[in-house]
């Protein structure tokens, strides 16, 4: 296994650098982490897969750039959940440290790519909503499906490139630099850069949503002033305001779930982390799964189009279930009639 300089507060783990990062010391802690990851991860994959199905099974929904960005967010959450749960549980619960540095950085790059793509998808969605509300007459010309797919392609390639820089050589083993206290083989300078990029993305999202909410409040005031005017324009305004509020809720949940992790990451750069704080970081990391699990629930409750599509899916499922329950009775009736004949 590759060896490199480990954090000074983990020097007592000399002999195997990976074991220094296995902070869960009791069986109860491991069981708790396993249950949280299993529950949140399973629900996250199921719910986000349902969102993707609802989007791409409906021709009217999948043609809209807004839902392409939401689909990108759902895909990022699915990938993050699968990769995170498998690698996190394998490492912290089963204490598997037999894999190489390259395999670990490959897994970490997958999680970072998914999370960065999730944030970037939220930013694109916020920009899409702002253009829709601030320049409704030019929206279809500015935000085409081709431009949406191009933006998503650039988004995913950029996120993957940045996330896999440690695997490509920017790690503390190759550079013989100071390693992070939270992630094996990760260079402190790279972690600082990744945190800065994440904070910039969050700042841009907050800035964009602030404008979206401001424009949404203007639309609400306009509708209250012109209640007599009922038509497609007011209907579209209500849809834009509803979706804007939905996406702000998504951002609020994202911030609450990821703030503890980011704060501890920043703290680890400027100060040494105690074993207790490293355990807290391990448990706080599972909040990202909670965020990915809550996002689809917000879509289903707040998006009328997705909710209507979900109701149609459930209606078809109930009809098929009812037909399958009635088919044995019909078959037995048919057989008895044949015998009598």
Foldseek 3Di string as FASTA:
>chain_A
DFDADADPLLCVVPPARLVSQQLDDDLVLLVVLLVLLVVLLVLLLVLLVLLLCLQVVDPVRVQDLLSVLVNQLSVLLNQLSVLCSVVLSCCRNVVDDPDDPLVQLVSQLSNQLSVQSNLVSLLVNLVLLLCCLVPVVCSCVVDGPVVSVVSSVVSSVVRSVLSNVLSVQQWCSNVSAYHFNNGPRHHLVSLVVSLVVVVVSLVSSVVSLVSLVVSLVVLVVVCVVPVVDDDDVNVVSVQSSLVSVLSVVLSVLVCVLCVLLSVLSVVRSVDPDDSVVSSVNSVSVSSSSVSSSCSSVSCCVRRPSSVVSVVVVVVVVVVVVVCVVCVVVVVVVVVVVVVVD
